Amino acid sequence: MTHQLIPFLKRLRLSGILETLEVRNQQAIDGKWTYVEFLARLLEDEVERRAQKQLALRIRRAAINTTKTLEGFDFSFNPTVNRQQVLDLATCTYIRQKRNVLICGPTGVGKTHLAHALTHEACRRGYTALLVNTYRMLQHLNGGRADHTLERRLHTYLRPDLLVLDDFGLKPLRTPAPE
């Protein structure tokens, strides 16, 4: 019977159901689920699979290091980092309010880790994000002046809900060349 469902599920773009169909079918038999319960579980699986796929896409587009998360941040390493304030930032209220956040401090205190972690959290909460090295972004934009693609390149940085500029001011900024 499963092989008969394959073309229908693919045509409806529900092929993810195929991954859990056999397991859910056995659970339904063992648990004496109603048809509606069985269907609901299959659809829950599909919704969860799609949500995970969207999360993976947002994380990939954000260009973040996925090992740098809030769960992996060692607050004891730098006791001057306000844990409660970081956890408040993790709620992403500042994104909804269209506010800016500036994380500053000397080298080696965990700013980049926090930037990656907060960007990761924003992706988890459904926001689009991009984390970029400031110097590279400015080089990319200046290149757009030269080849007349500045507008398109600028849109790359304006499109996401959250833009994170890392390593701001580490390299001297050059004045853009005249057009």
C-alpha atoms as a PDB file:
ATOM      1  CA  MET A   1       0.000   0.000   0.000  1.00  0.00           C
ATOM      2  CA  THR A   2       2.880   2.402   0.760  1.00  0.00           C
ATOM      3  CA  HIS A   3       4.160   2.239  -2.813  1.00  0.00           C
ATOM      4  CA  GLN A   4       0.725   3.411  -4.003  1.00  0.00           C
ATOM      5  CA  LEU A   5       0.971   6.505  -1.789  1.00  0.00           C
ATOM      6  CA  ILE A   6       4.382   7.594  -3.051  1.00  0.00           C
ATOM      7  CA  PRO A   7       3.258   9.415  -6.224  1.00  0.00           C
ATOM      8  CA  PHE A   8       0.420  11.167  -4.365  1.00  0.00           C
ATOM      9  CA  LEU A   9       2.640  12.283  -1.510  1.00  0.00           C
ATOM     10  CA  LYS A  10       5.297  13.541  -3.908  1.00  0.00           C
ATOM     11  CA  ARG A  11       2.756  15.406  -6.017  1.00  0.00           C
ATOM     12  CA  LEU A  12       1.379  17.084  -2.889  1.00  0.00           C
ATOM     13  CA  ARG A  13       4.954  17.751  -1.741  1.00  0.00           C
ATOM     14  CA  LEU A  14       4.459  15.609   1.345  1.00  0.00           C
ATOM     15  CA  SER A  15       7.257  13.157   0.663  1.00  0.00           C
ATOM     16  CA  GLY A  16       8.590  13.712   4.196  1.00  0.00           C
ATOM     17  CA  ILE A  17       5.640  11.659   5.436  1.00  0.00           C
ATOM     18  CA  LEU A  18       7.254   8.651   3.769  1.00  0.00           C
ATOM     19  CA  GLU A  19      10.092   8.846   6.302  1.00  0.00           C
ATOM     20  CA  THR A  20       7.773   8.162   9.246  1.00  0.00           C
ATOM     21  CA  LEU A  21       4.860   6.366   7.601  1.00  0.00           C
ATOM     22  CA  GLU A  22       5.893   2.808   8.487  1.00  0.00           C
ATOM     23  CA  VAL A  23       6.739   3.680  12.098  1.00  0.00           C
ATOM     24  CA  ARG A  24       3.554   5.680  12.589  1.00  0.00           C
ATOM     25  CA  ASN A  25       1.483   2.931  10.956  1.00  0.00           C
ATOM     26  CA  GLN A  26       2.866   0.365  13.416  1.00  0.00           C
ATOM     27  CA  GLN A  27       2.292   2.750  16.333  1.00  0.00           C
ATOM     28  CA  ALA A  28      -1.285   3.268  15.166  1.00  0.00           C
ATOM     29  CA  ILE A  29      -1.906  -0.472  15.038  1.00  0.00           C
ATOM     30  CA  ASP A  30      -0.300  -1.075  18.443  1.00  0.00           C
ATOM     31  CA  GLY A  31      -1.984   1.931  20.062  1.00  0.00           C
ATOM     32  CA  LYS A  32      -5.319   1.438  18.328  1.00  0.00           C
ATOM     33  CA  TRP A  33      -5.312   5.019  17.074  1.00  0.00           C
ATOM     34  CA  THR A  34      -8.286   6.409  15.218  1.00  0.00           C
ATOM     35  CA  TYR A  35      -7.806   7.433  11.589  1.00  0.00           C
ATOM     36  CA  VAL A  36      -7.784  11.067  12.621  1.00  0.00           C
ATOM     37  CA  GLU A  37      -5.096  10.449  15.294  1.00  0.00           C
ATOM     38  CA  PHE A  38      -2.969   8.609  12.730  1.00  0.00           C
ATOM     39  CA  LEU A  39      -3.339  11.403  10.185  1.00  0.00           C
ATOM     40  CA  ALA A  40      -2.641  14.058  12.822  1.00  0.00           C
ATOM     41  CA  ARG A  41       0.636  12.361  13.816  1.00  0.00           C
ATOM     42  CA  LEU A  42       1.741  12.080  10.184  1.00  0.00           C
ATOM     43  CA  LEU A  43       0.994  15.745   9.602  1.00  0.00           C
ATOM     44  CA  GLU A  44       2.803  16.733  12.819  1.00  0.00           C
ATOM     45  CA  ASP A  45       5.851  14.869  11.527  1.00  0.00           C
ATOM     46  CA  GLU A  46       5.665  16.706   8.210  1.00  0.00           C
ATOM     47  CA  VAL A  47       5.274  20.105   9.875  1.00  0.00           C
ATOM     48  CA  GLU A  48       8.256  19.385  12.154  1.00  0.00           C
ATOM     49  CA  ARG A  49      10.382  18.193   9.218  1.00  0.00           C
ATOM     50  CA  ARG A  50       9.601  21.375   7.282  1.00  0.00           C
ATOM     51  CA  ALA A  51      10.347  23.560  10.300  1.00  0.00           C
ATOM     52  CA  GLN A  52      13.731  21.857  10.732  1.00  0.00           C
ATOM     53  CA  LYS A  53      14.478  22.293   7.039  1.00  0.00           C
ATOM     54  CA  GLN A  54      13.630  26.015   7.231  1.00  0.00           C
ATOM     55  CA  LEU A  55      15.795  26.413  10.339  1.00  0.00           C
ATOM     56  CA  ALA A  56      18.739  24.749   8.599  1.00  0.00           C
ATOM     57  CA  LEU A  57      18.277  27.101   5.639  1.00  0.00           C
ATOM     58  CA  ARG A  58      18.143  30.207   7.874  1.00  0.00           C
ATOM     59  CA  ILE A  59      21.272  29.079   9.719  1.00  0.00           C
ATOM     60  CA  ARG A  60      23.135  28.381   6.470  1.00  0.00           C
ATOM     61  CA  ARG A  61      22.163  31.784   5.041  1.00  0.00           C
ATOM     62  CA  ALA A  62      23.163  33.518   8.285  1.00  0.00           C
ATOM     63  CA  ALA A  63      26.744  32.271   7.763  1.00  0.00           C
ATOM     64  CA  ILE A  64      27.240  31.485  11.448  1.00  0.00           C
ATOM     65  CA  ASN A  65      29.410  29.007  13.279  1.00  0.00           C
ATOM     66  CA  THR A  66      26.822  26.565  14.618  1.00  0.00           C
ATOM     67  CA  THR A  67      29.091  25.424  17.449  1.00  0.00           C
ATOM     68  CA  LYS A  68      28.892  28.889  19.028  1.00  0.00           C
ATOM     69  CA  THR A  69      25.540  28.783  20.800  1.00  0.00           C
ATOM     70  CA  LEU A  70      24.216  30.230  24.043  1.00  0.00           C
ATOM     71  CA  GLU A  71      24.208  26.728  25.509  1.00  0.00           C
ATOM     72  CA  GLY A  72      27.931  26.506  24.751  1.00  0.00           C
ATOM     73  CA  PHE A  73      28.837  29.942  26.091  1.00  0.00           C
ATOM     74  CA  ASP A  74      30.853  29.813  29.306  1.00  0.00           C
ATOM     75  CA  PHE A  75      29.605  32.722  31.388  1.00  0.00           C
ATOM     76  CA  SER A  76      32.168  31.908  34.081  1.00  0.00           C
ATOM     77  CA  PHE A  77      34.975  32.594  31.565  1.00  0.00           C
ATOM     78  CA  ASN A  78      34.109  36.292  31.634  1.00  0.00           C
ATOM     79  CA  PRO A  79      32.132  37.216  34.745  1.00  0.00           C
ATOM     80  CA  THR A  80      31.655  40.797  33.494  1.00  0.00           C
ATOM     81  CA  VAL A  81      29.178  39.522  30.874  1.00  0.00           C
ATOM     82  CA  ASN A  82      25.686  40.137  32.215  1.00  0.00           C
ATOM     83  CA  ARG A  83      24.026  36.724  31.866  1.00  0.00           C
ATOM     84  CA  GLN A  84      20.503  38.074  32.342  1.00  0.00           C
ATOM     85  CA  GLN A  85      21.016  40.754  29.713  1.00  0.00           C
ATOM     86  CA  VAL A  86      22.288  38.157  27.221  1.00  0.00           C
ATOM     87  CA  LEU A  87      19.301  35.908  27.928  1.00  0.00           C
ATOM     88  CA  ASP A  88      17.038  38.915  27.441  1.00  0.00           C
ATOM     89  CA  LEU A  89      18.674  39.554  24.061  1.00  0.00           C
ATOM     90  CA  ALA A  90      18.036  35.902  23.199  1.00  0.00           C
ATOM     91  CA  THR A  91      14.295  36.620  23.274  1.00  0.00           C
ATOM     92  CA  CYS A  92      14.860  38.758  20.140  1.00  0.00           C
ATOM     93  CA  THR A  93      12.636  41.563  21.410  1.00  0.00           C
ATOM     94  CA  TYR A  94      15.145  44.049  20.027  1.00  0.00           C
ATOM     95  CA  ILE A  95      14.561  42.642  16.524  1.00  0.00           C
ATOM     96  CA  ARG A  96      10.791  43.035  16.805  1.00  0.00           C
ATOM     97  CA  GLN A  97      11.318  46.586  18.071  1.00  0.00           C
ATOM     98  CA  LYS A  98      13.827  47.266  15.248  1.00  0.00           C
ATOM     99  CA  ARG A  99      16.483  48.319  17.739  1.00  0.00           C
ATOM    100  CA  ASN A 100      20.258  48.035  17.546  1.00  0.00           C
ATOM    101  CA  VAL A 101      22.547  46.131  19.885  1.00  0.00           C
ATOM    102  CA  LEU A 102      26.213  46.914  20.316  1.00  0.00           C
ATOM    103  CA  ILE A 103      28.505  44.372  21.947  1.00  0.00           C
ATOM    104  CA  CYS A 104      31.874  45.920  22.649  1.00  0.00           C
ATOM    105  CA  GLY A 105      34.935  45.109  24.673  1.00  0.00           C
ATOM    106  CA  PRO A 106      38.567  44.086  24.373  1.00  0.00           C
ATOM    107  CA  THR A 107      39.758  41.170  22.265  1.00  0.00           C
ATOM    108  CA  GLY A 108      39.153  37.689  23.632  1.00  0.00           C
ATOM    109  CA  VAL A 109      36.198  38.319  25.941  1.00  0.00           C
ATOM    110  CA  GLY A 110      33.596  36.371  23.921  1.00  0.00           C
ATOM    111  CA  LYS A 111      31.980  39.033  21.737  1.00  0.00           C
ATOM    112  CA  THR A 112      32.124  36.950  18.558  1.00  0.00           C
ATOM    113  CA  HIS A 113      30.803  33.871  20.346  1.00  0.00           C
ATOM    114  CA  LEU A 114      27.888  35.904  21.680  1.00  0.00           C
ATOM    115  CA  ALA A 115      27.251  37.402  18.241  1.00  0.00           C
ATOM    116  CA  HIS A 116      27.090  33.932  16.680  1.00  0.00           C
ATOM    117  CA  ALA A 117      24.977  32.598  19.548  1.00  0.00           C
ATOM    118  CA  LEU A 118      22.448  35.435  19.403  1.00  0.00           C
ATOM    119  CA  THR A 119      22.254  35.123  15.614  1.00  0.00           C
ATOM    120  CA  HIS A 120      21.663  31.383  16.009  1.00  0.00           C
ATOM    121  CA  GLU A 121      18.903  32.081  18.510  1.00  0.00           C
ATOM    122  CA  ALA A 122      17.277  34.560  16.119  1.00  0.00           C
ATOM    123  CA  CYS A 123      17.296  31.857  13.416  1.00  0.00           C
ATOM    124  CA  ARG A 124      15.693  29.407  15.846  1.00  0.00           C
ATOM    125  CA  ARG A 125      12.935  31.941  16.481  1.00  0.00           C
ATOM    126  CA  GLY A 126      12.181  32.264  12.765  1.00  0.00           C
ATOM    127  CA  TYR A 127      14.105  35.422  11.888  1.00  0.00           C
ATOM    128  CA  THR A 128      16.353  35.728   8.858  1.00  0.00           C
ATOM    129  CA  ALA A 129      19.866  36.819   9.745  1.00  0.00           C
ATOM    130  CA  LEU A 130      23.309  37.475   8.330  1.00  0.00           C
ATOM    131  CA  LEU A 131      26.550  37.642  10.280  1.00  0.00           C
ATOM    132  CA  VAL A 132      29.360  39.273   8.342  1.00  0.00           C
ATOM    133  CA  ASN A 133      32.835  40.603   8.959  1.00  0.00           C
ATOM    134  CA  THR A 134      32.548  44.389   8.680  1.00  0.00           C
ATOM    135  CA  TYR A 135      35.718  44.846   6.638  1.00  0.00           C
ATOM    136  CA  ARG A 136      34.629  42.182   4.117  1.00  0.00           C
ATOM    137  CA  MET A 137      31.167  43.713   3.838  1.00  0.00           C
ATOM    138  CA  LEU A 138      32.614  47.146   3.087  1.00  0.00           C
ATOM    139  CA  GLN A 139      34.981  45.643   0.504  1.00  0.00           C
ATOM    140  CA  HIS A 140      32.019  43.884  -1.097  1.00  0.00           C
ATOM    141  CA  LEU A 141      30.006  47.108  -1.191  1.00  0.00           C
ATOM    142  CA  ASN A 142      32.934  49.104  -2.593  1.00  0.00           C
ATOM    143  CA  GLY A 143      33.307  46.479  -5.308  1.00  0.00           C
ATOM    144  CA  GLY A 144      29.694  47.190  -6.195  1.00  0.00           C
ATOM    145  CA  ARG A 145      30.580  50.822  -6.828  1.00  0.00           C
ATOM    146  CA  ALA A 146      33.172  49.702  -9.363  1.00  0.00           C
ATOM    147  CA  ASP A 147      30.932  47.318 -11.305  1.00  0.00           C
ATOM    148  CA  HIS A 148      27.656  49.236 -10.787  1.00  0.00           C
ATOM    149  CA  THR A 149      26.045  46.524  -8.645  1.00  0.00           C
ATOM    150  CA  LEU A 150      26.054  48.523  -5.424  1.00  0.00           C
ATOM    151  CA  GLU A 151      22.247  48.553  -5.168  1.00  0.00           C
ATOM    152  CA  ARG A 152      22.015  44.756  -5.503  1.00  0.00           C
ATOM    153  CA  ARG A 153      24.884  44.176  -3.089  1.00  0.00           C
ATOM    154  CA  LEU A 154      23.412  46.595  -0.570  1.00  0.00           C
ATOM    155  CA  HIS A 155      20.124  44.707  -0.727  1.00  0.00           C
ATOM    156  CA  THR A 156      22.022  41.583   0.446  1.00  0.00           C
ATOM    157  CA  TYR A 157      22.697  43.307   3.749  1.00  0.00           C
ATOM    158  CA  LEU A 158      19.327  45.044   4.093  1.00  0.00           C
ATOM    159  CA  ARG A 159      17.171  41.967   3.385  1.00  0.00           C
ATOM    160  CA  PRO A 160      17.621  39.963   6.629  1.00  0.00           C
ATOM    161  CA  ASP A 161      15.695  40.759   9.789  1.00  0.00           C
ATOM    162  CA  LEU A 162      19.004  40.806  11.680  1.00  0.00           C
ATOM    163  CA  LEU A 163      22.366  42.018  10.374  1.00  0.00           C
ATOM    164  CA  VAL A 164      25.335  41.343  12.646  1.00  0.00           C
ATOM    165  CA  LEU A 165      28.573  43.200  11.912  1.00  0.00           C
ATOM    166  CA  ASP A 166      31.544  41.455  13.495  1.00  0.00           C
ATOM    167  CA  ASP A 167      35.078  42.729  14.036  1.00  0.00           C
ATOM    168  CA  PHE A 168      34.124  46.343  13.516  1.00  0.00           C
ATOM    169  CA  GLY A 169      37.184  48.592  13.517  1.00  0.00           C
ATOM    170  CA  LEU A 170      39.868  45.892  13.561  1.00  0.00           C
ATOM    171  CA  LYS A 171      41.200  46.939  10.155  1.00  0.00           C
ATOM    172  CA  PRO A 172      41.461  50.527   8.982  1.00  0.00           C
ATOM    173  CA  LEU A 173      38.626  51.563   6.708  1.00  0.00           C
ATOM    174  CA  ARG A 174      39.510  53.007   3.327  1.00  0.00           C
ATOM    175  CA  THR A 175      37.674  55.846   1.685  1.00  0.00           C
ATOM    176  CA  PRO A 176      35.595  54.518  -1.182  1.00  0.00           C
ATOM    177  CA  ALA A 177      37.022  55.157  -4.629  1.00  0.00           C
ATOM    178  CA  PRO A 178      35.179  57.742  -6.731  1.00  0.00           C
ATOM    179  CA  GLU A 179      32.554  56.298  -9.061  1.00  0.00           C
END
